[in-house]
């Protein structure tokens, strides 16, 4: 199973305050443990919402809303993609994570859908398209492979 593990933003991350050297070192060590265990597939920090945008959909209308966004507690400051055997394993890894913020913080864990989760709605043609696109993305990520 794959999980997206999301670090919630706080006032500091939204203000563009960079993590301390100590936190970067602790996170680097944690990420090394994740990689060595075969858990981590991706992980990145995100710029503040002031550098982002949202696109709101209403029928055929599209409205662009520029950041910053006011509800800091609803924003994401960073994420990982982990491969774990269960939600409990993802929780166990998260409990080992250094506190990602100077004060109180929260990390959300959500399972990522796999192709099999879509059942009969994913026709053989759509499945083939999905597999082809995944192969193209992998080739783009590793152009020398």
C-alpha atoms as a PDB file:
ATOM      1  CA  UNK A   1       0.000   0.000   0.000  1.00  0.00           C
ATOM      2  CA  UNK A   2       1.092   3.528  -0.667  1.00  0.00           C
ATOM      3  CA  UNK A   3       0.421   6.421   1.688  1.00  0.00           C
ATOM      4  CA  UNK A   4       0.740  10.167   1.327  1.00  0.00           C
ATOM      5  CA  UNK A   5       2.040  11.541   4.592  1.00  0.00           C
ATOM      6  CA  UNK A   6       1.376  15.279   4.789  1.00  0.00           C
ATOM      7  CA  UNK A   7       2.994  17.757   7.152  1.00  0.00           C
ATOM      8  CA  UNK A   8       0.581  20.521   8.095  1.00  0.00           C
ATOM      9  CA  UNK A   9       1.762  24.107   7.682  1.00  0.00           C
ATOM     10  CA  UNK A  10       2.046  26.577  10.534  1.00  0.00           C
ATOM     11  CA  UNK A  11       2.527  30.347  10.738  1.00  0.00           C
ATOM     12  CA  UNK A  12       6.309  29.940  10.400  1.00  0.00           C
ATOM     13  CA  UNK A  13       6.208  27.759   7.291  1.00  0.00           C
ATOM     14  CA  UNK A  14       3.622  30.083   5.726  1.00  0.00           C
ATOM     15  CA  UNK A  15       5.901  33.052   6.472  1.00  0.00           C
ATOM     16  CA  UNK A  16       8.712  31.295   4.597  1.00  0.00           C
ATOM     17  CA  UNK A  17      10.799  30.621   7.713  1.00  0.00           C
ATOM     18  CA  UNK A  18      13.261  27.898   6.806  1.00  0.00           C
ATOM     19  CA  UNK A  19      13.874  24.945   9.150  1.00  0.00           C
ATOM     20  CA  UNK A  20      16.868  25.074  11.454  1.00  0.00           C
ATOM     21  CA  UNK A  21      20.070  23.186  10.691  1.00  0.00           C
ATOM     22  CA  UNK A  22      19.232  20.855  13.596  1.00  0.00           C
ATOM     23  CA  UNK A  23      15.794  20.038  12.170  1.00  0.00           C
ATOM     24  CA  UNK A  24      17.224  19.522   8.671  1.00  0.00           C
ATOM     25  CA  UNK A  25      19.792  17.104  10.130  1.00  0.00           C
ATOM     26  CA  UNK A  26      17.141  15.221  12.144  1.00  0.00           C
ATOM     27  CA  UNK A  27      14.836  14.977   9.126  1.00  0.00           C
ATOM     28  CA  UNK A  28      17.754  13.857   6.965  1.00  0.00           C
ATOM     29  CA  UNK A  29      18.487  11.042   9.420  1.00  0.00           C
ATOM     30  CA  UNK A  30      14.796  10.067   9.524  1.00  0.00           C
ATOM     31  CA  UNK A  31      14.630  10.072   5.714  1.00  0.00           C
ATOM     32  CA  UNK A  32      17.722   7.841   5.604  1.00  0.00           C
ATOM     33  CA  UNK A  33      15.976   5.339   7.877  1.00  0.00           C
ATOM     34  CA  UNK A  34      12.895   5.422   5.639  1.00  0.00           C
ATOM     35  CA  UNK A  35      14.974   4.857   2.492  1.00  0.00           C
ATOM     36  CA  UNK A  36      17.021   2.028   4.028  1.00  0.00           C
ATOM     37  CA  UNK A  37      13.775   0.338   5.134  1.00  0.00           C
ATOM     38  CA  UNK A  38      12.356   0.613   1.595  1.00  0.00           C
ATOM     39  CA  UNK A  39       9.490   2.819   2.800  1.00  0.00           C
ATOM     40  CA  UNK A  40      10.186   6.235   1.260  1.00  0.00           C
ATOM     41  CA  UNK A  41       9.317   6.687  -2.405  1.00  0.00           C
ATOM     42  CA  UNK A  42       9.281  10.507  -2.499  1.00  0.00           C
ATOM     43  CA  UNK A  43       9.344  13.443  -0.145  1.00  0.00           C
ATOM     44  CA  UNK A  44       9.497  17.194  -0.521  1.00  0.00           C
ATOM     45  CA  UNK A  45       8.844  20.433   1.310  1.00  0.00           C
ATOM     46  CA  UNK A  46       6.510  23.000  -0.194  1.00  0.00           C
ATOM     47  CA  UNK A  47       6.885  26.757  -0.589  1.00  0.00           C
ATOM     48  CA  UNK A  48       4.376  28.915   1.329  1.00  0.00           C
ATOM     49  CA  UNK A  49       0.889  29.308  -0.139  1.00  0.00           C
ATOM     50  CA  UNK A  50       1.757  32.926  -1.014  1.00  0.00           C
ATOM     51  CA  UNK A  51       3.719  31.454  -3.926  1.00  0.00           C
ATOM     52  CA  UNK A  52       0.844  29.204  -5.004  1.00  0.00           C
ATOM     53  CA  UNK A  53      -2.624  29.314  -6.490  1.00  0.00           C
ATOM     54  CA  UNK A  54      -5.868  27.366  -6.422  1.00  0.00           C
ATOM     55  CA  UNK A  55      -8.195  26.668  -9.306  1.00  0.00           C
ATOM     56  CA  UNK A  56     -11.860  26.490  -8.286  1.00  0.00           C
ATOM     57  CA  UNK A  57     -14.185  24.421 -10.490  1.00  0.00           C
ATOM     58  CA  UNK A  58     -17.880  25.193 -10.831  1.00  0.00           C
ATOM     59  CA  UNK A  59     -19.417  23.320 -13.753  1.00  0.00           C
ATOM     60  CA  UNK A  60     -17.532  24.522 -16.828  1.00  0.00           C
ATOM     61  CA  UNK A  61     -16.184  27.644 -15.067  1.00  0.00           C
ATOM     62  CA  UNK A  62     -12.622  27.852 -13.744  1.00  0.00           C
ATOM     63  CA  UNK A  63     -11.570  30.550 -11.290  1.00  0.00           C
ATOM     64  CA  UNK A  64      -7.944  31.087 -10.278  1.00  0.00           C
ATOM     65  CA  UNK A  65      -7.334  32.191  -6.695  1.00  0.00           C
ATOM     66  CA  UNK A  66      -3.844  33.412  -5.902  1.00  0.00           C
ATOM     67  CA  UNK A  67      -2.244  32.665  -2.549  1.00  0.00           C
ATOM     68  CA  UNK A  68      -1.696  33.243   0.264  1.00  0.00           C
ATOM     69  CA  UNK A  69      -4.543  31.265   1.782  1.00  0.00           C
ATOM     70  CA  UNK A  70      -5.860  32.211   5.200  1.00  0.00           C
ATOM     71  CA  UNK A  71      -6.577  28.860   6.871  1.00  0.00           C
ATOM     72  CA  UNK A  72      -3.009  27.896   7.787  1.00  0.00           C
ATOM     73  CA  UNK A  73      -4.157  24.801   9.693  1.00  0.00           C
ATOM     74  CA  UNK A  74      -5.606  23.414   6.426  1.00  0.00           C
ATOM     75  CA  UNK A  75      -2.431  23.908   4.385  1.00  0.00           C
ATOM     76  CA  UNK A  76       0.334  21.410   3.654  1.00  0.00           C
ATOM     77  CA  UNK A  77       3.995  22.346   4.186  1.00  0.00           C
ATOM     78  CA  UNK A  78       5.525  19.109   2.907  1.00  0.00           C
ATOM     79  CA  UNK A  79       4.837  15.492   2.093  1.00  0.00           C
ATOM     80  CA  UNK A  80       6.207  11.995   1.666  1.00  0.00           C
ATOM     81  CA  UNK A  81       4.995   9.062  -0.385  1.00  0.00           C
ATOM     82  CA  UNK A  82       5.598   5.874   1.580  1.00  0.00           C
ATOM     83  CA  UNK A  83       5.121   2.224   0.738  1.00  0.00           C
ATOM     84  CA  UNK A  84       3.927   0.410   3.855  1.00  0.00           C
ATOM     85  CA  UNK A  85       2.176  -2.890   4.529  1.00  0.00           C
ATOM     86  CA  UNK A  86      -0.607  -1.147   6.462  1.00  0.00           C
ATOM     87  CA  UNK A  87      -1.889   2.119   7.876  1.00  0.00           C
ATOM     88  CA  UNK A  88      -0.512   1.008  11.241  1.00  0.00           C
ATOM     89  CA  UNK A  89       2.995   0.724   9.792  1.00  0.00           C
ATOM     90  CA  UNK A  90       2.678   4.278   8.388  1.00  0.00           C
ATOM     91  CA  UNK A  91       1.490   5.480  11.804  1.00  0.00           C
ATOM     92  CA  UNK A  92       4.416   3.740  13.491  1.00  0.00           C
ATOM     93  CA  UNK A  93       6.901   5.459  11.161  1.00  0.00           C
ATOM     94  CA  UNK A  94       5.184   8.826  11.667  1.00  0.00           C
ATOM     95  CA  UNK A  95       5.467   8.487  15.441  1.00  0.00           C
ATOM     96  CA  UNK A  96       9.257   8.222  14.976  1.00  0.00           C
ATOM     97  CA  UNK A  97       9.412  11.430  12.911  1.00  0.00           C
ATOM     98  CA  UNK A  98      11.085  14.501  14.417  1.00  0.00           C
ATOM     99  CA  UNK A  99       8.579  17.267  15.168  1.00  0.00           C
ATOM    100  CA  UNK A 100       8.559  19.092  11.800  1.00  0.00           C
ATOM    101  CA  UNK A 101       7.660  22.491  13.283  1.00  0.00           C
ATOM    102  CA  UNK A 102       9.072  24.596  16.129  1.00  0.00           C
ATOM    103  CA  UNK A 103       5.826  24.291  18.119  1.00  0.00           C
ATOM    104  CA  UNK A 104       2.850  21.956  17.970  1.00  0.00           C
ATOM    105  CA  UNK A 105       2.373  20.253  14.619  1.00  0.00           C
ATOM    106  CA  UNK A 106       0.278  17.654  12.874  1.00  0.00           C
ATOM    107  CA  UNK A 107       0.973  15.057  10.200  1.00  0.00           C
ATOM    108  CA  UNK A 108      -1.879  13.515   8.200  1.00  0.00           C
ATOM    109  CA  UNK A 109      -1.662  10.045   6.655  1.00  0.00           C
ATOM    110  CA  UNK A 110      -3.866   9.060   3.699  1.00  0.00           C
ATOM    111  CA  UNK A 111      -3.773   5.901   1.608  1.00  0.00           C
ATOM    112  CA  UNK A 112      -3.172   6.427  -2.111  1.00  0.00           C
ATOM    113  CA  UNK A 113      -5.530   4.621  -4.471  1.00  0.00           C
ATOM    114  CA  UNK A 114      -4.034   1.763  -6.446  1.00  0.00           C
ATOM    115  CA  UNK A 115      -5.325   0.725  -9.855  1.00  0.00           C
ATOM    116  CA  UNK A 116      -7.126  -2.291  -8.363  1.00  0.00           C
ATOM    117  CA  UNK A 117      -9.203  -0.031  -6.109  1.00  0.00           C
ATOM    118  CA  UNK A 118     -11.219   1.282  -9.066  1.00  0.00           C
ATOM    119  CA  UNK A 119     -12.794  -2.093  -9.902  1.00  0.00           C
ATOM    120  CA  UNK A 120     -14.805  -2.515 -13.095  1.00  0.00           C
ATOM    121  CA  UNK A 121     -14.902   1.232 -13.767  1.00  0.00           C
ATOM    122  CA  UNK A 122     -11.279   0.950 -14.866  1.00  0.00           C
ATOM    123  CA  UNK A 123     -11.767  -0.763 -18.232  1.00  0.00           C
ATOM    124  CA  UNK A 124      -8.915  -2.703 -19.882  1.00  0.00           C
ATOM    125  CA  UNK A 125      -8.332   0.323 -22.137  1.00  0.00           C
ATOM    126  CA  UNK A 126      -8.110   2.693 -19.175  1.00  0.00           C
ATOM    127  CA  UNK A 127      -5.834   0.252 -17.335  1.00  0.00           C
ATOM    128  CA  UNK A 128      -3.520   0.090 -20.362  1.00  0.00           C
ATOM    129  CA  UNK A 129      -3.466   3.891 -20.535  1.00  0.00           C
ATOM    130  CA  UNK A 130      -2.621   4.111 -16.820  1.00  0.00           C
ATOM    131  CA  UNK A 131       0.238   1.613 -17.188  1.00  0.00           C
ATOM    132  CA  UNK A 132       1.580   3.439 -20.265  1.00  0.00           C
ATOM    133  CA  UNK A 133       1.495   6.801 -18.473  1.00  0.00           C
ATOM    134  CA  UNK A 134       3.255   5.388 -15.392  1.00  0.00           C
ATOM    135  CA  UNK A 135       5.971   3.966 -17.657  1.00  0.00           C
ATOM    136  CA  UNK A 136       6.380   7.347 -19.388  1.00  0.00           C
ATOM    137  CA  UNK A 137       6.649   9.155 -16.043  1.00  0.00           C
ATOM    138  CA  UNK A 138       9.279   6.647 -14.864  1.00  0.00           C
ATOM    139  CA  UNK A 139      11.243   7.096 -18.107  1.00  0.00           C
ATOM    140  CA  UNK A 140      11.132  10.887 -17.729  1.00  0.00           C
ATOM    141  CA  UNK A 141      12.364  10.614 -14.140  1.00  0.00           C
ATOM    142  CA  UNK A 142      15.264   8.362 -15.234  1.00  0.00           C
ATOM    143  CA  UNK A 143      16.231   9.456 -18.760  1.00  0.00           C
ATOM    144  CA  UNK A 144      19.469   7.430 -18.716  1.00  0.00           C
ATOM    145  CA  UNK A 145      17.785   4.164 -17.696  1.00  0.00           C
END
